PDB file of N, CA and C in Angstrom:
ATOM      1  N   MET A   1     -31.996  42.374 -22.639  1.00  0.00           N
ATOM      2  CA  MET A   1     -33.066  41.400 -22.300  1.00  0.00           C
ATOM      3  C   MET A   1     -32.425  40.366 -21.295  1.00  0.00           C
ATOM      4  N   VAL A   2     -33.078  40.032 -20.304  1.00  0.00           N
ATOM      5  CA  VAL A   2     -32.638  39.067 -19.266  1.00  0.00           C
ATOM      6  C   VAL A   2     -33.200  37.747 -19.624  1.00  0.00           C
ATOM      7  N   THR A   3     -32.281  36.658 -19.626  1.00  0.00           N
ATOM      8  CA  THR A   3     -32.673  35.389 -19.963  1.00  0.00           C
ATOM      9  C   THR A   3     -33.349  34.637 -18.803  1.00  0.00           C
ATOM     10  N   ALA A   4     -33.883  33.424 -18.959  1.00  0.00           N
ATOM     11  CA  ALA A   4     -34.399  32.692 -17.758  1.00  0.00           C
ATOM     12  C   ALA A   4     -33.365  32.499 -16.676  1.00  0.00           C
ATOM     13  N   LEU A   5     -32.115  32.411 -17.056  1.00  0.00           N
ATOM     14  CA  LEU A   5     -31.112  32.217 -15.989  1.00  0.00           C
ATOM     15  C   LEU A   5     -30.654  33.453 -15.292  1.00  0.00           C
ATOM     16  N   GLY A   6     -31.306  34.576 -15.711  1.00  0.00           N
ATOM     17  CA  GLY A   6     -31.034  35.968 -15.106  1.00  0.00           C
ATOM     18  C   GLY A   6     -29.728  36.533 -15.660  1.00  0.00           C
ATOM     19  N   ILE A   7     -29.300  36.023 -16.912  1.00  0.00           N
ATOM     20  CA  ILE A   7     -28.181  36.631 -17.514  1.00  0.00           C
ATOM     21  C   ILE A   7     -28.561  37.652 -18.542  1.00  0.00           C
ATOM     22  N   ASP A   8     -28.024  38.779 -18.519  1.00  0.00           N
ATOM     23  CA  ASP A   8     -28.290  39.911 -19.448  1.00  0.00           C
ATOM     24  C   ASP A   8     -27.606  39.501 -20.780  1.00  0.00           C
ATOM     25  N   ASP A   9     -28.314  39.274 -21.848  1.00  0.00           N
ATOM     26  CA  ASP A   9     -27.714  39.040 -23.228  1.00  0.00           C
ATOM     27  C   ASP A   9     -26.887  40.078 -23.500  1.00  0.00           C
ATOM     28  N   ASN A  10     -27.090  41.311 -23.251  1.00  0.00           N
ATOM     29  CA  ASN A  10     -26.237  42.415 -23.767  1.00  0.00           C
ATOM     30  C   ASN A  10     -24.872  42.266 -23.076  1.00  0.00           C
ATOM     31  N   LEU A  11     -24.764  41.700 -21.923  1.00  0.00           N
ATOM     32  CA  LEU A  11     -23.425  41.437 -21.396  1.00  0.00           C
ATOM     33  C   LEU A  11     -22.650  40.318 -21.916  1.00  0.00           C
ATOM     34  N   ILE A  12     -23.304  39.500 -22.533  1.00  0.00           N
ATOM     35  CA  ILE A  12     -22.719  38.229 -23.228  1.00  0.00           C
ATOM     36  C   ILE A  12     -22.256  38.798 -24.624  1.00  0.00           C
ATOM     37  N   MET A  13     -23.200  39.431 -25.406  1.00  0.00           N
ATOM     38  CA  MET A  13     -22.838  39.770 -26.745  1.00  0.00           C
ATOM     39  C   MET A  13     -23.292  41.188 -26.980  1.00  0.00           C
ATOM     40  N   PRO A  14     -22.392  42.257 -26.836  1.00  0.00           N
ATOM     41  CA  PRO A  14     -22.760  43.637 -27.058  1.00  0.00           C
ATOM     42  C   PRO A  14     -23.251  43.845 -28.445  1.00  0.00           C
ATOM     43  N   THR A  15     -24.177  44.704 -28.529  1.00  0.00           N
ATOM     44  CA  THR A  15     -24.563  45.093 -29.890  1.00  0.00           C
ATOM     45  C   THR A  15     -23.519  45.861 -30.638  1.00  0.00           C
ATOM     46  N   GLU A  16     -23.664  46.051 -31.924  1.00  0.00           N
ATOM     47  CA  GLU A  16     -22.652  46.760 -32.636  1.00  0.00           C
ATOM     48  C   GLU A  16     -22.612  48.324 -32.201  1.00  0.00           C
ATOM     49  N   SER A  17     -23.653  48.835 -31.783  1.00  0.00           N
ATOM     50  CA  SER A  17     -23.634  50.160 -31.310  1.00  0.00           C
ATOM     51  C   SER A  17     -22.829  50.381 -30.009  1.00  0.00           C
ATOM     52  N   GLN A  18     -23.085  49.298 -29.180  1.00  0.00           N
ATOM     53  CA  GLN A  18     -22.535  49.088 -27.756  1.00  0.00           C
ATOM     54  C   GLN A  18     -20.927  48.973 -28.083  1.00  0.00           C
ATOM     55  N   GLN A  19     -20.601  48.267 -29.002  1.00  0.00           N
ATOM     56  CA  GLN A  19     -19.194  47.959 -29.271  1.00  0.00           C
ATOM     57  C   GLN A  19     -18.539  49.186 -29.713  1.00  0.00           C
ATOM     58  N   ARG A  20     -19.268  50.025 -30.753  1.00  0.00           N
ATOM     59  CA  ARG A  20     -18.720  51.214 -31.135  1.00  0.00           C
ATOM     60  C   ARG A  20     -18.536  52.202 -29.969  1.00  0.00           C
ATOM     61  N   ALA A  21     -19.613  52.285 -29.104  1.00  0.00           N
ATOM     62  CA  ALA A  21     -19.485  53.276 -27.864  1.00  0.00           C
ATOM     63  C   ALA A  21     -18.370  52.796 -27.060  1.00  0.00           C
ATOM     64  N   TRP A  22     -18.077  51.569 -26.806  1.00  0.00           N
ATOM     65  CA  TRP A  22     -16.996  51.107 -25.969  1.00  0.00           C
ATOM     66  C   TRP A  22     -15.589  51.531 -26.534  1.00  0.00           C
ATOM     67  N   MET A  23     -15.654  51.371 -27.996  1.00  0.00           N
ATOM     68  CA  MET A  23     -14.287  51.671 -28.648  1.00  0.00           C
ATOM     69  C   MET A  23     -14.041  53.111 -28.614  1.00  0.00           C
ATOM     70  N   ALA A  24     -15.084  53.962 -28.728  1.00  0.00           N
ATOM     71  CA  ALA A  24     -14.962  55.369 -28.637  1.00  0.00           C
ATOM     72  C   ALA A  24     -14.619  55.853 -27.323  1.00  0.00           C
ATOM     73  N   GLN A  25     -15.068  55.297 -26.276  1.00  0.00           N
ATOM     74  CA  GLN A  25     -14.799  55.554 -24.924  1.00  0.00           C
ATOM     75  C   GLN A  25     -13.299  55.272 -24.568  1.00  0.00           C
ATOM     76  N   TRP A  26     -12.772  54.008 -25.110  1.00  0.00           N
ATOM     77  CA  TRP A  26     -11.311  53.688 -24.902  1.00  0.00           C
ATOM     78  C   TRP A  26     -10.470  54.554 -25.743  1.00  0.00           C
ATOM     79  N   ASN A  27     -10.996  54.918 -26.890  1.00  0.00           N
ATOM     80  CA  ASN A  27     -10.010  55.963 -27.788  1.00  0.00           C
ATOM     81  C   ASN A  27      -9.918  57.247 -27.037  1.00  0.00           C
ATOM     82  N   GLU A  28     -10.940  57.709 -26.409  1.00  0.00           N
ATOM     83  CA  GLU A  28     -10.947  59.046 -25.668  1.00  0.00           C
ATOM     84  C   GLU A  28      -9.986  58.855 -24.575  1.00  0.00           C
ATOM     85  N   ALA A  29     -10.060  57.734 -23.849  1.00  0.00           N
ATOM     86  CA  ALA A  29      -9.287  57.366 -22.587  1.00  0.00           C
ATOM     87  C   ALA A  29      -7.808  57.384 -23.088  1.00  0.00           C
ATOM     88  N   ARG A  30      -7.621  56.771 -24.172  1.00  0.00           N
ATOM     89  CA  ARG A  30      -6.213  56.538 -24.699  1.00  0.00           C
ATOM     90  C   ARG A  30      -5.527  57.943 -24.844  1.00  0.00           C
ATOM     91  N   HIS A  31      -6.274  58.845 -25.564  1.00  0.00           N
ATOM     92  CA  HIS A  31      -5.628  60.144 -25.789  1.00  0.00           C
ATOM     93  C   HIS A  31      -5.562  60.966 -24.563  1.00  0.00           C
ATOM     94  N   ALA A  32      -6.456  60.816 -23.643  1.00  0.00           N
ATOM     95  CA  ALA A  32      -6.372  61.532 -22.326  1.00  0.00           C
ATOM     96  C   ALA A  32      -5.262  61.055 -21.507  1.00  0.00           C
ATOM     97  N   LEU A  33      -5.071  59.695 -21.450  1.00  0.00           N
ATOM     98  CA  LEU A  33      -3.935  59.122 -20.670  1.00  0.00           C
ATOM     99  C   LEU A  33      -2.603  59.482 -21.362  1.00  0.00           C
ATOM    100  N   ARG A  34      -2.592  59.441 -22.716  1.00  0.00           N
ATOM    101  CA  ARG A  34      -1.274  59.878 -23.374  1.00  0.00           C
ATOM    102  C   ARG A  34      -0.929  61.330 -22.930  1.00  0.00           C
ATOM    103  N   ALA A  35      -1.962  62.272 -23.071  1.00  0.00           N
ATOM    104  CA  ALA A  35      -1.668  63.632 -22.694  1.00  0.00           C
ATOM    105  C   ALA A  35      -1.245  63.746 -21.147  1.00  0.00           C
ATOM    106  N   GLN A  36      -1.811  62.909 -20.345  1.00  0.00           N
ATOM    107  CA  GLN A  36      -1.461  62.905 -18.898  1.00  0.00           C
ATOM    108  C   GLN A  36      -0.011  62.554 -18.730  1.00  0.00           C
ATOM    109  N   ARG A  37       0.320  61.458 -19.392  1.00  0.00           N
ATOM    110  CA  ARG A  37       1.722  60.810 -19.221  1.00  0.00           C
ATOM    111  C   ARG A  37       2.751  61.791 -19.894  1.00  0.00           C
ATOM    112  N   ASP A  38       2.437  62.507 -20.935  1.00  0.00           N
ATOM    113  CA  ASP A  38       3.291  63.423 -21.500  1.00  0.00           C
ATOM    114  C   ASP A  38       3.540  64.605 -20.646  1.00  0.00           C
ATOM    115  N   ALA A  39       2.398  65.061 -19.866  1.00  0.00           N
ATOM    116  CA  ALA A  39       2.547  66.255 -19.121  1.00  0.00           C
ATOM    117  C   ALA A  39       3.360  65.844 -17.873  1.00  0.00           C
ATOM    118  N   GLU A  40       3.129  64.560 -17.319  1.00  0.00           N
ATOM    119  CA  GLU A  40       3.909  64.175 -16.105  1.00  0.00           C
ATOM    120  C   GLU A  40       5.421  64.085 -16.476  1.00  0.00           C
ATOM    121  N   ILE A  41       5.788  63.496 -17.759  1.00  0.00           N
ATOM    122  CA  ILE A  41       7.133  63.387 -18.060  1.00  0.00           C
ATOM    123  C   ILE A  41       7.812  64.729 -18.216  1.00  0.00           C
ATOM    124  N   GLN A  42       7.039  65.718 -18.876  1.00  0.00           N
ATOM    125  CA  GLN A  42       7.602  67.038 -18.996  1.00  0.00           C
ATOM    126  C   GLN A  42       7.962  67.730 -17.637  1.00  0.00           C
ATOM    127  N   ALA A  43       7.036  67.471 -16.757  1.00  0.00           N
ATOM    128  CA  ALA A  43       7.119  68.056 -15.377  1.00  0.00           C
ATOM    129  C   ALA A  43       8.211  67.316 -14.466  1.00  0.00           C
ATOM    130  N   LEU A  44       8.713  66.222 -14.923  1.00  0.00           N
ATOM    131  CA  LEU A  44       9.604  65.377 -14.124  1.00  0.00           C
ATOM    132  C   LEU A  44      11.058  66.054 -14.147  1.00  0.00           C
ATOM    133  N   SER A  45      11.533  66.178 -13.069  1.00  0.00           N
ATOM    134  CA  SER A  45      12.997  66.709 -12.952  1.00  0.00           C
ATOM    135  C   SER A  45      13.928  65.601 -13.077  1.00  0.00           C
ATOM    136  N   ASN A  46      15.138  65.909 -13.519  1.00  0.00           N
ATOM    137  CA  ASN A  46      16.120  64.749 -13.575  1.00  0.00           C
ATOM    138  C   ASN A  46      16.407  64.265 -12.180  1.00  0.00           C
ATOM    139  N   GLU A  47      16.412  64.843 -11.152  1.00  0.00           N
ATOM    140  CA  GLU A  47      16.639  64.371  -9.850  1.00  0.00           C
ATOM    141  C   GLU A  47      15.451  63.269  -9.556  1.00  0.00           C
ATOM    142  N   ARG A  48      14.247  63.636  -9.772  1.00  0.00           N
ATOM    143  CA  ARG A  48      13.263  62.778  -9.422  1.00  0.00           C
ATOM    144  C   ARG A  48      13.296  61.457 -10.424  1.00  0.00           C
ATOM    145  N   ALA A  49      13.598  61.768 -11.702  1.00  0.00           N
ATOM    146  CA  ALA A  49      13.785  60.567 -12.535  1.00  0.00           C
ATOM    147  C   ALA A  49      14.844  59.588 -12.050  1.00  0.00           C
ATOM    148  N   LEU A  50      15.965  60.161 -11.721  1.00  0.00           N
ATOM    149  CA  LEU A  50      17.082  59.367 -11.113  1.00  0.00           C
ATOM    150  C   LEU A  50      16.665  58.696  -9.901  1.00  0.00           C
ATOM    151  N   ALA A  51      15.984  59.220  -9.074  1.00  0.00           N
ATOM    152  CA  ALA A  51      15.574  58.728  -7.805  1.00  0.00           C
ATOM    153  C   ALA A  51      14.580  57.585  -8.064  1.00  0.00           C
ATOM    154  N   ALA A  52      13.629  57.685  -8.951  1.00  0.00           N
ATOM    155  CA  ALA A  52      12.780  56.626  -9.271  1.00  0.00           C
ATOM    156  C   ALA A  52      13.628  55.461  -9.918  1.00  0.00           C
ATOM    157  N   ALA A  53      14.534  55.741 -10.681  1.00  0.00           N
ATOM    158  CA  ALA A  53      15.352  54.639 -11.307  1.00  0.00           C
ATOM    159  C   ALA A  53      16.076  53.845 -10.276  1.00  0.00           C
ATOM    160  N   ASP A  54      16.685  54.610  -9.396  1.00  0.00           N
ATOM    161  CA  ASP A  54      17.447  54.081  -8.212  1.00  0.00           C
ATOM    162  C   ASP A  54      16.488  53.161  -7.434  1.00  0.00           C
ATOM    163  N   THR A  55      15.264  53.627  -7.164  1.00  0.00           N
ATOM    164  CA  THR A  55      14.444  52.843  -6.279  1.00  0.00           C
ATOM    165  C   THR A  55      13.977  51.583  -7.065  1.00  0.00           C
ATOM    166  N   LEU A  56      13.714  51.619  -8.329  1.00  0.00           N
ATOM    167  CA  LEU A  56      13.420  50.454  -9.119  1.00  0.00           C
ATOM    168  C   LEU A  56      14.611  49.495  -9.097  1.00  0.00           C
ATOM    169  N   LEU A  57      15.757  49.997  -9.304  1.00  0.00           N
ATOM    170  CA  LEU A  57      16.830  49.081  -9.330  1.00  0.00           C
ATOM    171  C   LEU A  57      17.309  48.533  -8.021  1.00  0.00           C
ATOM    172  N   SER A  58      16.856  49.097  -6.904  1.00  0.00           N
ATOM    173  CA  SER A  58      17.278  48.607  -5.543  1.00  0.00           C
ATOM    174  C   SER A  58      16.225  47.614  -5.094  1.00  0.00           C
ATOM    175  N   ILE A  59      15.127  47.312  -5.860  1.00  0.00           N
ATOM    176  CA  ILE A  59      14.100  46.381  -5.396  1.00  0.00           C
ATOM    177  C   ILE A  59      14.754  45.027  -5.179  1.00  0.00           C
ATOM    178  N   LEU A  60      15.502  44.616  -6.250  1.00  0.00           N
ATOM    179  CA  LEU A  60      16.109  43.301  -6.044  1.00  0.00           C
ATOM    180  C   LEU A  60      17.628  43.600  -6.380  1.00  0.00           C
ATOM    181  N   PRO A  61      18.442  42.815  -5.497  1.00  0.00           N
ATOM    182  CA  PRO A  61      19.796  43.000  -5.593  1.00  0.00           C
ATOM    183  C   PRO A  61      20.229  42.401  -7.091  1.00  0.00           C
ATOM    184  N   LEU A  62      21.234  43.154  -7.653  1.00  0.00           N
ATOM    185  CA  LEU A  62      21.694  42.671  -9.063  1.00  0.00           C
ATOM    186  C   LEU A  62      22.481  41.355  -8.835  1.00  0.00           C
ATOM    187  N   ALA A  63      22.076  40.400  -9.681  1.00  0.00           N
ATOM    188  CA  ALA A  63      22.805  39.108  -9.549  1.00  0.00           C
ATOM    189  C   ALA A  63      24.268  39.185 -10.114  1.00  0.00           C
ATOM    190  N   ALA A  64      24.997  38.495  -9.535  1.00  0.00           N
ATOM    191  CA  ALA A  64      26.518  38.476 -10.048  1.00  0.00           C
ATOM    192  C   ALA A  64      26.414  37.705 -11.435  1.00  0.00           C
ATOM    193  N   LEU A  65      26.989  38.288 -12.441  1.00  0.00           N
ATOM    194  CA  LEU A  65      27.188  37.683 -13.668  1.00  0.00           C
ATOM    195  C   LEU A  65      28.230  36.706 -13.665  1.00  0.00           C
ATOM    196  N   PRO A  66      27.949  35.567 -14.364  1.00  0.00           N
ATOM    197  CA  PRO A  66      29.035  34.469 -14.558  1.00  0.00           C
ATOM    198  C   PRO A  66      30.092  35.064 -15.421  1.00  0.00           C
ATOM    199  N   GLU A  67      31.285  34.689 -15.270  1.00  0.00           N
ATOM    200  CA  GLU A  67      32.542  35.127 -16.040  1.00  0.00           C
ATOM    201  C   GLU A  67      32.172  35.214 -17.555  1.00  0.00           C
ATOM    202  N   GLY A  68      31.497  34.185 -18.126  1.00  0.00           N
ATOM    203  CA  GLY A  68      31.340  34.151 -19.585  1.00  0.00           C
ATOM    204  C   GLY A  68      30.499  35.352 -20.023  1.00  0.00           C
ATOM    205  N   ARG A  69      29.440  35.777 -19.079  1.00  0.00           N
ATOM    206  CA  ARG A  69      28.544  36.808 -19.489  1.00  0.00           C
ATOM    207  C   ARG A  69      29.202  38.075 -19.457  1.00  0.00           C
ATOM    208  N   ARG A  70      30.344  38.255 -18.852  1.00  0.00           N
ATOM    209  CA  ARG A  70      31.067  39.543 -18.656  1.00  0.00           C
ATOM    210  C   ARG A  70      31.637  39.926 -20.043  1.00  0.00           C
ATOM    211  N   THR A  71      31.904  38.796 -20.850  1.00  0.00           N
ATOM    212  CA  THR A  71      32.711  39.242 -22.160  1.00  0.00           C
ATOM    213  C   THR A  71      31.705  39.011 -23.331  1.00  0.00           C
ATOM    214  N   SER A  72      30.633  38.240 -23.165  1.00  0.00           N
ATOM    215  CA  SER A  72      29.706  37.956 -24.281  1.00  0.00           C
ATOM    216  C   SER A  72      28.299  37.739 -23.730  1.00  0.00           C
ATOM    217  N   SER A  73      27.231  38.239 -24.505  1.00  0.00           N
ATOM    218  CA  SER A  73      25.921  38.041 -24.114  1.00  0.00           C
ATOM    219  C   SER A  73      25.343  36.742 -24.819  1.00  0.00           C
ATOM    220  N   GLY A  74      26.151  36.104 -25.645  1.00  0.00           N
ATOM    221  CA  GLY A  74      25.729  34.955 -26.396  1.00  0.00           C
ATOM    222  C   GLY A  74      25.178  35.260 -27.665  1.00  0.00           C
ATOM    223  N   LEU A  75      24.808  36.574 -28.032  1.00  0.00           N
ATOM    224  CA  LEU A  75      24.226  36.945 -29.125  1.00  0.00           C
ATOM    225  C   LEU A  75      25.054  36.494 -30.435  1.00  0.00           C
ATOM    226  N   VAL A  76      26.241  36.697 -30.352  1.00  0.00           N
ATOM    227  CA  VAL A  76      27.182  36.276 -31.577  1.00  0.00           C
ATOM    228  C   VAL A  76      27.039  34.898 -31.790  1.00  0.00           C
ATOM    229  N   ARG A  77      27.095  34.032 -30.744  1.00  0.00           N
ATOM    230  CA  ARG A  77      27.037  32.682 -30.827  1.00  0.00           C
ATOM    231  C   ARG A  77      25.666  32.181 -31.397  1.00  0.00           C
ATOM    232  N   GLN A  78      24.626  32.879 -30.938  1.00  0.00           N
ATOM    233  CA  GLN A  78      23.350  32.596 -31.366  1.00  0.00           C
ATOM    234  C   GLN A  78      23.014  32.966 -32.778  1.00  0.00           C
ATOM    235  N   GLN A  79      23.686  34.043 -33.315  1.00  0.00           N
ATOM    236  CA  GLN A  79      23.520  34.359 -34.762  1.00  0.00           C
ATOM    237  C   GLN A  79      24.304  33.260 -35.587  1.00  0.00           C
ATOM    238  N   ALA A  80      25.473  32.882 -35.077  1.00  0.00           N
ATOM    239  CA  ALA A  80      26.238  31.877 -35.842  1.00  0.00           C
ATOM    240  C   ALA A  80      25.416  30.618 -35.962  1.00  0.00           C
ATOM    241  N   LEU A  81      24.721  30.274 -34.870  1.00  0.00           N
ATOM    242  CA  LEU A  81      23.883  29.114 -35.036  1.00  0.00           C
ATOM    243  C   LEU A  81      22.726  29.217 -35.892  1.00  0.00           C
ATOM    244  N   PHE A  82      22.251  30.387 -36.024  1.00  0.00           N
ATOM    245  CA  PHE A  82      21.251  30.659 -36.924  1.00  0.00           C
ATOM    246  C   PHE A  82      21.664  30.602 -38.388  1.00  0.00           C
ATOM    247  N   HIS A  83      23.008  30.917 -38.545  1.00  0.00           N
ATOM    248  CA  HIS A  83      23.504  30.933 -39.970  1.00  0.00           C
ATOM    249  C   HIS A  83      24.320  29.777 -40.222  1.00  0.00           C
ATOM    250  N   CYS A  84      24.254  28.746 -39.318  1.00  0.00           N
ATOM    251  CA  CYS A  84      24.992  27.590 -39.466  1.00  0.00           C
ATOM    252  C   CYS A  84      26.524  27.760 -39.789  1.00  0.00           C
ATOM    253  N   ARG A  85      27.094  28.511 -38.911  1.00  0.00           N
ATOM    254  CA  ARG A  85      28.573  28.659 -39.030  1.00  0.00           C
ATOM    255  C   ARG A  85      29.142  28.916 -37.554  1.00  0.00           C
ATOM    256  N   THR A  86      30.374  28.668 -37.537  1.00  0.00           N
ATOM    257  CA  THR A  86      31.024  28.843 -36.155  1.00  0.00           C
ATOM    258  C   THR A  86      31.249  30.177 -35.745  1.00  0.00           C
ATOM    259  N   ALA A  87      31.098  30.425 -34.399  1.00  0.00           N
ATOM    260  CA  ALA A  87      31.236  31.841 -33.876  1.00  0.00           C
ATOM    261  C   ALA A  87      32.769  32.172 -33.949  1.00  0.00           C
ATOM    262  N   PRO A  88      33.015  33.472 -34.193  1.00  0.00           N
ATOM    263  CA  PRO A  88      34.424  34.006 -34.040  1.00  0.00           C
ATOM    264  C   PRO A  88      34.928  33.729 -32.632  1.00  0.00           C
TER     265      PRO A  88
END
């Protein structure tokens, strides 16, 4: 039903049957996309996978790590703070 402002009420609040149809459509798409992804991964050669990884890694140059990050990620210190004790 179109309101006086020209807005379709069904676009504002879908009916329960529309919601169910929408969810069914998304579930079908989810399964189809999962199958497509699985097939593409199965067909992917090691060479193409490595090339894709290299491409992604080359987008931005890797930042030089500060010296402190070369020996610790800070996780041990963070866990010590959580447990209220000093880090080793």
